[in-house]
Protein backbone atom coordinates (compact mmCIF):
# COMPACT_ATOMS: atom_id res chain seq x y z
CA MET A 1 -35.06 -66.95 79.68
CA SER A 2 -38.43 -67.63 78.72
CA GLN A 3 -40.02 -67.71 75.09
CA GLY A 4 -40.86 -64.04 74.56
CA VAL A 5 -43.01 -62.10 71.92
CA THR A 6 -41.73 -60.78 68.40
CA THR A 7 -42.29 -56.81 68.11
CA SER A 8 -40.54 -54.55 65.68
CA ILE A 9 -39.15 -51.04 66.08
CA ARG A 10 -38.07 -48.61 63.83
CA LEU A 11 -34.13 -47.52 63.94
CA SER A 12 -32.54 -44.61 62.07
CA ASN A 13 -29.64 -46.39 59.70
CA GLU A 14 -26.85 -44.57 62.18
CA LEU A 15 -28.41 -46.55 65.25
CA ARG A 16 -28.84 -49.85 63.38
CA SER A 17 -25.29 -49.46 62.40
CA HIS A 18 -24.07 -48.80 65.57
CA LEU A 19 -26.01 -51.62 66.96
CA GLU A 20 -24.58 -53.87 64.65
CA LYS A 21 -20.84 -53.14 65.52
CA VAL A 22 -21.38 -53.12 69.24
CA ALA A 23 -23.30 -57.03 68.70
CA GLN A 24 -20.25 -58.07 66.47
CA SER A 25 -17.64 -56.74 69.01
CA VAL A 26 -19.19 -58.19 72.19
CA HIS A 27 -20.39 -61.31 70.39
CA ARG A 28 -24.03 -61.25 71.30
CA GLY A 29 -27.16 -60.94 69.48
CA LYS A 30 -28.78 -57.77 68.34
CA ASN A 31 -31.93 -58.69 70.26
CA TRP A 32 -30.04 -59.52 73.49
CA ILE A 33 -28.28 -55.57 73.36
CA ILE A 34 -32.07 -54.22 72.84
CA THR A 35 -33.80 -56.36 75.69
CA LYS A 36 -30.73 -55.61 78.16
CA ALA A 37 -30.80 -51.99 77.05
CA LEU A 38 -34.43 -51.77 77.56
CA GLU A 39 -34.65 -53.37 80.85
CA GLU A 40 -31.91 -50.92 82.21
CA TYR A 41 -33.83 -48.29 80.87
CA LEU A 42 -36.96 -49.04 82.51
CA ASP A 43 -35.48 -49.88 85.64
CA LYS A 44 -33.73 -46.60 85.79
CA ILE A 45 -37.06 -45.06 84.78
CA GLU A 46 -38.99 -46.99 87.73
CA LYS A 47 -36.22 -45.90 90.04
CA ASN A 48 -36.52 -42.45 89.12
CA SER A 49 -40.13 -42.48 89.73
CA LEU A 50 -39.70 -44.03 93.12
CA LEU A 51 -37.11 -41.14 93.87
CA GLU A 52 -39.45 -38.45 92.68
CA GLU A 53 -42.47 -39.99 94.76
CA ALA A 54 -40.32 -40.16 98.00
CA ARG A 55 -39.13 -36.62 97.64
CA ARG A 56 -42.66 -35.36 97.15
CA GLN A 57 -43.61 -37.17 100.26
CA SER A 58 -40.64 -35.56 101.92
CA LEU A 59 -41.50 -32.28 100.82
CA LEU A 60 -45.34 -32.88 102.16
CA ALA A 61 -44.09 -34.18 105.30
CA SER A 62 -41.99 -31.24 105.91
CA GLN A 63 -44.71 -28.65 104.93
CA SER A 64 -46.89 -30.62 107.52
CA ASP A 65 -44.61 -30.25 110.04
CA GLN A 66 -44.28 -26.27 109.31
CA LYS A 67 -48.24 -26.12 109.53
CA MET A 68 -48.04 -28.09 112.85
CA ASP A 69 -45.09 -26.09 114.09
CA ASP A 70 -47.43 -22.72 113.14
CA TRP A 71 -50.56 -24.03 114.54
CA GLU A 72 -48.76 -24.46 118.17
CA GLN A 73 -47.35 -20.98 117.78
CA ASN A 74 -50.68 -19.48 117.15
CA THR A 75 -53.22 -21.03 119.16
CA ASP A 76 -53.89 -20.11 122.39
CA THR A 77 -54.09 -22.81 124.63
CA SER A 78 -53.97 -20.81 128.26
CA GLY A 79 -57.53 -22.63 129.13
CA TRP A 80 -56.58 -25.87 128.56
CA ILE A 81 -55.41 -28.11 131.44
């Protein structure tokens, strides 16, 4: 892992205590746990954003198909070759 930057966060006493207990039980540092949790959270948000965009585009495509069907049904093409 490359050298990172230092940042600070404010934790409630309960969350800090929970973090310390988990760090001791899994024999990992608090920084490692926070970094892993943040990575997983950000990945989840990114995947959810992609899923939402796929849903949005799917909805738009289905509406576009419906508009095309309406156009075909409501257009007089009898004079077309």
